N, C-alpha and C. Protein backbone atom coordinates (compact mmCIF):
# COMPACT_ATOMS: atom_id res chain seq x y z
N MET A 1 107.62 72.55 102.86
CA MET A 1 106.48 71.83 102.47
C MET A 1 105.57 72.73 101.63
N ILE A 2 105.13 72.17 100.52
CA ILE A 2 104.19 72.95 99.71
C ILE A 2 102.77 72.36 99.90
N LEU A 3 101.86 73.29 100.18
CA LEU A 3 100.46 72.90 100.59
C LEU A 3 99.73 72.26 99.39
N ASP A 4 99.12 71.16 99.65
CA ASP A 4 98.19 70.57 98.66
C ASP A 4 96.82 71.08 99.10
N PRO A 5 96.22 72.01 98.33
CA PRO A 5 95.00 72.64 98.80
C PRO A 5 93.88 71.72 99.15
N GLY A 6 93.81 70.58 98.45
CA GLY A 6 92.75 69.58 98.70
C GLY A 6 93.01 68.88 100.06
N ALA A 7 94.22 68.48 100.31
CA ALA A 7 94.49 67.65 101.52
C ALA A 7 94.80 68.54 102.75
N ASP A 8 95.42 69.79 102.58
CA ASP A 8 95.95 70.44 103.67
C ASP A 8 95.13 71.68 104.15
N LEU A 9 94.14 72.07 103.36
CA LEU A 9 93.36 73.30 103.59
C LEU A 9 92.80 73.36 105.01
N LYS A 10 92.08 72.23 105.40
CA LYS A 10 91.55 72.31 106.82
C LYS A 10 92.59 72.33 107.83
N ARG A 11 93.68 71.67 107.67
CA ARG A 11 94.78 71.68 108.65
C ARG A 11 95.41 73.10 108.69
N PHE A 12 95.61 73.68 107.59
CA PHE A 12 96.12 75.03 107.47
C PHE A 12 95.28 76.01 108.17
N ARG A 13 93.90 75.99 107.91
CA ARG A 13 92.95 76.82 108.57
C ARG A 13 93.08 76.73 110.14
N LYS A 14 93.14 75.39 110.51
CA LYS A 14 93.19 75.14 111.99
C LYS A 14 94.50 75.68 112.54
N ALA A 15 95.58 75.62 111.82
CA ALA A 15 96.84 76.13 112.31
C ALA A 15 96.81 77.64 112.41
N LEU A 16 96.15 78.30 111.47
CA LEU A 16 95.97 79.78 111.54
C LEU A 16 95.13 80.13 112.78
N GLY A 17 94.14 79.39 113.08
CA GLY A 17 93.24 79.61 114.20
C GLY A 17 93.95 79.54 115.46
N THR A 18 95.25 79.02 115.55
CA THR A 18 95.90 78.99 116.92
C THR A 18 96.45 80.38 117.28
N PHE A 19 96.37 81.37 116.30
CA PHE A 19 96.82 82.67 116.65
C PHE A 19 95.58 83.47 117.22
N PRO A 20 95.58 83.91 118.47
CA PRO A 20 94.42 84.62 118.94
C PRO A 20 94.24 85.99 118.26
N THR A 21 93.05 86.35 118.01
CA THR A 21 92.75 87.61 117.34
C THR A 21 91.64 88.31 118.05
N GLY A 22 91.64 89.67 118.02
CA GLY A 22 90.49 90.38 118.46
C GLY A 22 89.38 90.20 117.42
N VAL A 23 88.17 90.51 117.82
CA VAL A 23 86.98 90.45 117.01
C VAL A 23 86.52 91.89 116.74
N CYS A 24 86.23 92.21 115.41
CA CYS A 24 85.90 93.47 115.02
C CYS A 24 84.66 93.45 114.19
N ILE A 25 83.90 94.59 114.11
CA ILE A 25 82.80 94.75 113.20
C ILE A 25 83.27 95.87 112.27
N VAL A 26 83.23 95.74 110.99
CA VAL A 26 83.44 96.82 110.04
C VAL A 26 82.15 97.23 109.43
N THR A 27 81.97 98.56 109.42
CA THR A 27 80.66 99.09 108.91
C THR A 27 80.98 100.13 107.85
N THR A 28 80.01 100.36 106.97
CA THR A 28 80.04 101.45 106.04
C THR A 28 78.56 101.69 105.62
N LEU A 29 78.39 102.67 104.77
CA LEU A 29 77.13 103.08 104.21
C LEU A 29 77.18 102.78 102.67
N SER A 30 76.12 102.12 102.19
CA SER A 30 76.10 101.94 100.74
C SER A 30 75.70 103.17 100.03
N ARG A 31 75.90 103.17 98.77
CA ARG A 31 75.55 104.39 97.92
C ARG A 31 73.98 104.67 98.00
N GLU A 32 73.27 103.60 98.30
CA GLU A 32 71.84 103.75 98.42
C GLU A 32 71.38 104.16 99.80
N GLY A 33 72.34 104.35 100.71
CA GLY A 33 72.02 104.77 102.07
C GLY A 33 71.79 103.64 103.09
N GLU A 34 72.10 102.38 102.71
CA GLU A 34 71.89 101.31 103.57
C GLU A 34 73.09 101.07 104.45
N ASN A 35 72.82 100.76 105.73
CA ASN A 35 74.00 100.43 106.61
C ASN A 35 74.44 99.05 106.35
N VAL A 36 75.71 98.86 106.22
CA VAL A 36 76.28 97.53 105.95
C VAL A 36 77.39 97.27 106.90
N GLY A 37 77.46 95.97 107.44
CA GLY A 37 78.43 95.66 108.46
C GLY A 37 78.74 94.12 108.43
N VAL A 38 79.97 93.79 108.78
CA VAL A 38 80.43 92.43 108.75
C VAL A 38 81.40 92.21 110.00
N THR A 39 81.30 90.95 110.56
CA THR A 39 82.27 90.60 111.51
C THR A 39 83.62 90.25 110.89
N CYS A 40 84.65 90.64 111.58
CA CYS A 40 85.97 90.45 110.96
C CYS A 40 87.01 90.13 112.05
N SER A 41 87.94 89.23 111.80
CA SER A 41 88.99 89.01 112.69
C SER A 41 90.42 89.26 111.98
N SER A 42 90.30 89.70 110.78
CA SER A 42 91.50 89.95 109.96
C SER A 42 91.96 91.47 110.04
N PHE A 43 91.89 92.02 111.17
CA PHE A 43 92.26 93.43 111.39
C PHE A 43 93.69 93.54 111.79
N ASN A 44 94.43 94.55 111.31
CA ASN A 44 95.85 94.74 111.70
C ASN A 44 96.26 96.21 111.55
N SER A 45 97.25 96.60 112.35
CA SER A 45 97.87 97.92 112.14
C SER A 45 98.82 97.78 111.05
N VAL A 46 99.09 98.86 110.29
CA VAL A 46 100.00 98.90 109.19
C VAL A 46 101.06 99.94 109.43
N SER A 47 100.69 101.20 109.80
CA SER A 47 101.65 102.27 109.93
C SER A 47 101.14 103.24 110.98
N LEU A 48 102.14 103.89 111.75
CA LEU A 48 101.76 104.96 112.56
C LEU A 48 101.74 106.32 111.89
N ASP A 49 102.73 106.47 110.92
CA ASP A 49 102.86 107.74 110.26
C ASP A 49 103.04 107.49 108.75
N PRO A 50 102.01 107.54 107.97
CA PRO A 50 100.65 107.96 108.32
C PRO A 50 99.87 106.80 109.05
N PRO A 51 98.82 107.25 109.71
CA PRO A 51 98.11 106.18 110.49
C PRO A 51 97.20 105.33 109.54
N LEU A 52 97.68 104.05 109.36
CA LEU A 52 97.04 103.18 108.45
C LEU A 52 96.64 101.84 109.15
N ILE A 53 95.53 101.26 108.89
CA ILE A 53 95.10 99.96 109.34
C ILE A 53 94.65 99.13 108.12
N LEU A 54 94.50 97.90 108.30
CA LEU A 54 93.92 97.02 107.18
C LEU A 54 93.01 95.98 107.87
N TRP A 55 92.20 95.48 106.90
CA TRP A 55 91.30 94.31 107.21
C TRP A 55 90.98 93.66 105.90
N SER A 56 90.55 92.45 105.93
CA SER A 56 90.24 91.73 104.65
C SER A 56 88.92 91.15 104.69
N LEU A 57 88.33 91.00 103.53
CA LEU A 57 86.91 90.42 103.27
C LEU A 57 86.96 89.47 102.17
N GLY A 58 86.29 88.31 102.43
CA GLY A 58 86.34 87.18 101.38
C GLY A 58 85.65 87.69 100.12
N LYS A 59 86.19 87.24 99.01
CA LYS A 59 85.68 87.53 97.69
C LYS A 59 84.25 87.10 97.51
N ASN A 60 83.83 86.17 98.25
CA ASN A 60 82.42 85.60 98.08
C ASN A 60 81.44 86.38 98.98
N ALA A 61 81.91 87.41 99.73
CA ALA A 61 81.04 88.07 100.61
C ALA A 61 80.00 88.94 99.88
N TYR A 62 78.80 88.92 100.35
CA TYR A 62 77.69 89.64 99.71
C TYR A 62 77.98 91.12 99.75
N SER A 63 78.67 91.61 100.78
CA SER A 63 78.88 93.00 101.00
C SER A 63 80.16 93.55 100.25
N LEU A 64 80.95 92.71 99.59
CA LEU A 64 82.15 93.07 98.92
C LEU A 64 81.95 94.34 97.96
N PRO A 65 80.93 94.28 97.10
CA PRO A 65 80.81 95.46 96.21
C PRO A 65 80.53 96.75 97.01
N VAL A 66 79.87 96.71 98.13
CA VAL A 66 79.57 97.87 98.94
C VAL A 66 80.90 98.38 99.46
N PHE A 67 81.66 97.55 100.16
CA PHE A 67 82.95 97.91 100.72
C PHE A 67 83.90 98.37 99.63
N GLY A 68 83.89 97.76 98.48
CA GLY A 68 84.75 98.07 97.40
C GLY A 68 84.57 99.45 96.83
N ALA A 69 83.27 99.93 96.93
CA ALA A 69 82.88 101.23 96.47
C ALA A 69 82.95 102.30 97.59
N ALA A 70 83.10 101.90 98.84
CA ALA A 70 82.99 102.84 99.98
C ALA A 70 84.19 103.73 100.10
N GLU A 71 83.90 105.06 100.38
CA GLU A 71 84.95 105.93 100.61
C GLU A 71 85.34 105.86 102.11
N PHE A 72 84.37 105.76 102.95
CA PHE A 72 84.60 105.66 104.41
C PHE A 72 84.15 104.44 105.06
N TRP A 73 84.81 103.94 105.98
CA TRP A 73 84.41 102.76 106.78
C TRP A 73 84.97 102.85 108.15
N ALA A 74 84.42 102.03 109.03
CA ALA A 74 84.83 102.05 110.43
C ALA A 74 85.14 100.62 110.89
N VAL A 75 86.19 100.53 111.71
CA VAL A 75 86.55 99.25 112.37
C VAL A 75 86.19 99.38 113.84
N HIS A 76 85.30 98.54 114.38
CA HIS A 76 84.96 98.54 115.77
C HIS A 76 85.57 97.30 116.51
N VAL A 77 86.50 97.55 117.38
CA VAL A 77 87.03 96.43 118.20
C VAL A 77 86.01 96.15 119.27
N LEU A 78 85.47 94.92 119.34
CA LEU A 78 84.37 94.62 120.23
C LEU A 78 84.93 94.38 121.62
N GLY A 79 84.10 94.66 122.56
CA GLY A 79 84.35 94.37 124.00
C GLY A 79 84.13 92.94 124.35
N ALA A 80 84.70 92.49 125.42
CA ALA A 80 84.64 91.06 125.81
C ALA A 80 83.13 90.61 126.03
N ASP A 81 82.24 91.51 126.24
CA ASP A 81 80.87 91.16 126.47
C ASP A 81 80.01 91.30 125.28
N GLN A 82 80.58 91.37 124.09
CA GLN A 82 79.81 91.69 122.84
C GLN A 82 79.79 90.41 121.89
N GLU A 83 79.84 89.26 122.41
CA GLU A 83 79.71 88.03 121.59
C GLU A 83 78.52 88.05 120.72
N GLU A 84 77.36 88.44 121.24
CA GLU A 84 76.13 88.34 120.49
C GLU A 84 76.17 89.32 119.36
N VAL A 85 76.77 90.46 119.54
CA VAL A 85 76.93 91.42 118.47
C VAL A 85 77.79 90.90 117.40
N SER A 86 78.93 90.20 117.74
CA SER A 86 79.79 89.55 116.76
C SER A 86 78.96 88.49 115.95
N ASN A 87 78.19 87.71 116.64
CA ASN A 87 77.40 86.64 115.99
C ASN A 87 76.30 87.26 115.09
N GLN A 88 75.69 88.36 115.56
CA GLN A 88 74.66 88.99 114.74
C GLN A 88 75.23 89.47 113.44
N PHE A 89 76.42 90.06 113.41
CA PHE A 89 77.00 90.66 112.21
C PHE A 89 77.69 89.53 111.34
N ALA A 90 77.99 88.37 111.97
CA ALA A 90 78.56 87.21 111.27
C ALA A 90 77.50 86.49 110.41
N ARG A 91 76.20 86.60 110.72
CA ARG A 91 75.22 85.90 110.00
C ARG A 91 75.00 86.51 108.62
N ALA A 92 74.68 85.59 107.63
CA ALA A 92 74.30 86.12 106.33
C ALA A 92 72.87 86.57 106.33
N GLY A 93 72.59 87.64 105.65
CA GLY A 93 71.17 88.10 105.49
C GLY A 93 70.65 88.72 106.84
N GLY A 94 69.39 89.11 106.71
CA GLY A 94 68.77 89.69 107.91
C GLY A 94 69.22 91.14 108.16
N ASN A 95 68.54 91.78 109.14
CA ASN A 95 68.97 93.19 109.50
C ASN A 95 70.02 93.03 110.60
N LYS A 96 71.25 93.17 110.26
CA LYS A 96 72.30 93.05 111.19
C LYS A 96 72.35 94.21 112.21
N PHE A 97 71.70 95.35 111.89
CA PHE A 97 71.74 96.46 112.81
C PHE A 97 70.55 96.52 113.69
N LYS A 98 69.70 95.46 113.66
CA LYS A 98 68.50 95.42 114.54
C LYS A 98 68.87 95.48 116.07
N ASP A 99 68.32 96.45 116.80
CA ASP A 99 68.51 96.62 118.15
C ASP A 99 69.95 97.04 118.45
N ILE A 100 70.72 97.60 117.59
CA ILE A 100 72.04 98.06 117.74
C ILE A 100 71.99 99.61 117.89
N LYS A 101 72.60 100.26 118.92
CA LYS A 101 72.73 101.60 119.05
C LYS A 101 73.73 102.08 118.12
N LEU A 102 73.38 103.19 117.46
CA LEU A 102 74.27 103.73 116.41
C LEU A 102 74.54 105.22 116.61
N GLU A 103 75.66 105.71 116.13
CA GLU A 103 75.95 107.16 115.95
C GLU A 103 76.38 107.27 114.53
N ALA A 104 76.30 108.52 113.97
CA ALA A 104 76.76 108.80 112.62
C ALA A 104 78.19 109.17 112.64
N GLY A 105 79.02 108.55 111.74
CA GLY A 105 80.42 108.86 111.66
C GLY A 105 80.67 109.61 110.46
N LEU A 106 82.01 109.73 110.03
CA LEU A 106 82.44 110.49 108.87
C LEU A 106 81.72 109.90 107.61
N GLY A 107 81.15 110.78 106.76
CA GLY A 107 80.45 110.26 105.61
C GLY A 107 79.14 109.65 105.99
N GLU A 108 78.71 109.93 107.22
CA GLU A 108 77.45 109.25 107.76
C GLU A 108 77.51 107.77 107.91
N ILE A 109 78.70 107.23 107.97
CA ILE A 109 78.84 105.77 108.24
C ILE A 109 78.25 105.42 109.61
N PRO A 110 77.67 104.24 109.73
CA PRO A 110 77.17 103.91 111.04
C PRO A 110 78.27 103.48 111.99
N LEU A 111 78.26 104.07 113.26
CA LEU A 111 79.18 103.72 114.25
C LEU A 111 78.50 103.05 115.36
N LEU A 112 78.92 101.80 115.74
CA LEU A 112 78.40 101.14 116.92
C LEU A 112 78.88 101.81 118.19
N VAL A 113 78.07 101.87 119.23
CA VAL A 113 78.44 102.43 120.44
C VAL A 113 78.94 101.28 121.44
N ASP A 114 79.58 101.70 122.51
CA ASP A 114 80.02 100.76 123.53
C ASP A 114 81.01 99.77 123.14
N CYS A 115 81.86 100.08 122.12
CA CYS A 115 82.90 99.16 121.70
C CYS A 115 84.15 99.44 122.50
N SER A 116 85.15 98.57 122.41
CA SER A 116 86.39 98.78 123.08
C SER A 116 87.18 99.98 122.38
N THR A 117 87.15 99.93 121.07
CA THR A 117 87.87 100.94 120.27
C THR A 117 87.16 101.02 118.91
N ARG A 118 87.17 102.33 118.31
CA ARG A 118 86.61 102.54 117.02
C ARG A 118 87.61 103.31 116.15
N PHE A 119 87.81 102.88 114.93
CA PHE A 119 88.68 103.59 113.99
C PHE A 119 87.78 104.00 112.79
N GLN A 120 87.78 105.30 112.48
CA GLN A 120 87.08 105.80 111.28
C GLN A 120 88.10 106.00 110.20
N CYS A 121 87.89 105.50 109.06
CA CYS A 121 88.83 105.50 107.97
C CYS A 121 88.33 105.98 106.67
N ILE A 122 89.29 106.45 105.80
CA ILE A 122 89.00 106.65 104.43
C ILE A 122 89.84 105.63 103.71
N THR A 123 89.26 105.04 102.60
CA THR A 123 90.00 104.06 101.88
C THR A 123 91.24 104.50 101.26
N GLU A 124 92.40 103.92 101.57
CA GLU A 124 93.71 104.40 101.03
C GLU A 124 94.12 103.47 99.91
N HIS A 125 93.93 102.13 100.04
CA HIS A 125 94.34 101.19 99.10
C HIS A 125 93.41 99.95 99.13
N VAL A 126 93.24 99.28 98.04
CA VAL A 126 92.49 97.99 97.98
C VAL A 126 93.39 97.05 97.17
N TYR A 127 93.74 95.87 97.72
CA TYR A 127 94.57 94.99 97.15
C TYR A 127 93.90 93.60 97.02
N ASP A 128 94.32 92.82 95.95
CA ASP A 128 93.92 91.49 95.78
C ASP A 128 94.75 90.63 96.81
N GLY A 129 94.04 89.76 97.50
CA GLY A 129 94.71 88.93 98.44
C GLY A 129 94.23 87.48 98.42
N GLY A 130 94.45 86.89 97.21
CA GLY A 130 93.97 85.53 97.03
C GLY A 130 92.43 85.35 97.11
N ASP A 131 91.88 84.64 98.00
CA ASP A 131 90.47 84.48 98.11
C ASP A 131 89.78 85.67 98.94
N HIS A 132 90.62 86.69 99.30
CA HIS A 132 90.16 87.86 99.97
C HIS A 132 90.54 89.16 99.28
N VAL A 133 89.91 90.24 99.64
CA VAL A 133 90.32 91.56 99.15
C VAL A 133 90.87 92.28 100.46
N ILE A 134 91.95 92.97 100.40
CA ILE A 134 92.55 93.60 101.54
C ILE A 134 92.36 95.15 101.32
N PHE A 135 91.66 95.68 102.50
CA PHE A 135 91.33 97.08 102.54
C PHE A 135 92.33 97.78 103.41
N VAL A 136 93.04 98.84 102.99
CA VAL A 136 93.96 99.57 103.79
C VAL A 136 93.22 100.95 103.95
N GLY A 137 93.06 101.49 105.18
CA GLY A 137 92.46 102.70 105.43
C GLY A 137 93.35 103.65 106.23
N ARG A 138 93.21 104.95 105.92
CA ARG A 138 93.92 105.98 106.70
C ARG A 138 92.91 106.35 107.83
N VAL A 139 93.40 106.23 108.99
CA VAL A 139 92.58 106.48 110.17
C VAL A 139 92.51 108.09 110.24
N LEU A 140 91.20 108.56 110.21
CA LEU A 140 90.94 109.96 110.34
C LEU A 140 90.52 110.32 111.72
N ASP A 141 89.93 109.36 112.47
CA ASP A 141 89.51 109.64 113.83
C ASP A 141 89.48 108.26 114.53
N PHE A 142 89.56 108.32 115.88
CA PHE A 142 89.40 107.07 116.66
C PHE A 142 89.08 107.42 117.96
N ASP A 143 88.52 106.49 118.77
CA ASP A 143 88.26 106.62 120.17
C ASP A 143 88.31 105.28 120.81
N GLN A 144 88.67 105.28 122.10
CA GLN A 144 88.79 104.01 122.82
C GLN A 144 88.33 104.10 124.25
N THR A 145 87.92 102.94 124.81
CA THR A 145 87.53 102.82 126.19
C THR A 145 88.51 101.97 126.96
N HIS A 146 88.25 101.68 128.14
CA HIS A 146 89.11 100.70 128.94
C HIS A 146 88.51 99.33 128.95
N ARG A 147 87.62 98.99 128.02
CA ARG A 147 86.90 97.73 127.98
C ARG A 147 87.87 96.73 127.50
N LEU A 148 87.91 95.45 128.11
CA LEU A 148 88.68 94.31 127.59
C LEU A 148 88.12 93.95 126.29
N PRO A 149 88.98 93.49 125.25
CA PRO A 149 88.48 93.15 123.93
C PRO A 149 87.90 91.69 123.93
N LEU A 150 87.08 91.47 122.96
CA LEU A 150 86.63 90.15 122.64
C LEU A 150 87.68 89.41 121.86
N VAL A 151 88.01 88.19 122.28
CA VAL A 151 89.15 87.39 121.60
C VAL A 151 88.63 86.14 121.08
N PHE A 152 89.16 85.78 119.90
CA PHE A 152 88.83 84.51 119.23
C PHE A 152 90.07 83.72 119.04
N HIS A 153 89.88 82.38 119.40
CA HIS A 153 91.11 81.42 119.28
C HIS A 153 90.53 80.08 118.98
N SER A 154 91.20 79.43 118.05
CA SER A 154 90.88 78.00 117.70
C SER A 154 89.42 77.75 117.52
N GLY A 155 88.81 78.76 116.83
CA GLY A 155 87.35 78.60 116.36
C GLY A 155 86.33 78.90 117.45
N ARG A 156 86.77 79.65 118.53
CA ARG A 156 85.78 80.02 119.58
C ARG A 156 86.24 81.24 120.30
N TYR A 157 85.25 81.83 120.93
CA TYR A 157 85.59 82.99 121.80
C TYR A 157 86.33 82.50 123.09
N VAL A 158 87.25 83.24 123.57
CA VAL A 158 87.91 82.93 124.81
C VAL A 158 87.96 84.13 125.67
N ARG A 159 88.15 83.91 126.98
CA ARG A 159 88.26 85.02 127.98
C ARG A 159 89.61 84.87 128.66
């Protein structure tokens, strides 16, 4: 079956949503020194040796130029109790880092505390991915806790 973008796009998106994903926040620091972050569910491992991960960002995202120019960025796998953090970073505009505890990571990138797992990366590759840009990062450092992850399935958070 060949997709008709006009007729099948909503059905296709709904079908993709049946695959449960973790919820992540990806952060970086702009060249002007501004903390930038987005909610992301398109995170995946790529390679153990070398240690590579990937995530993607929509080409219409306001933060795309910042991530496109970033040397370092971090992926934060959210804990099951961090729905509000996910929602805060998913909103357009406003101060996404308001009331968020931070630490400084590699290249002074903002690191959220109390996450399930954090991966600090240097950009290895950037690829065109249709209506998204795919970022592949070499993991330079990571830490994890024993917190259960926040999971998204069929358009909503699940436990």
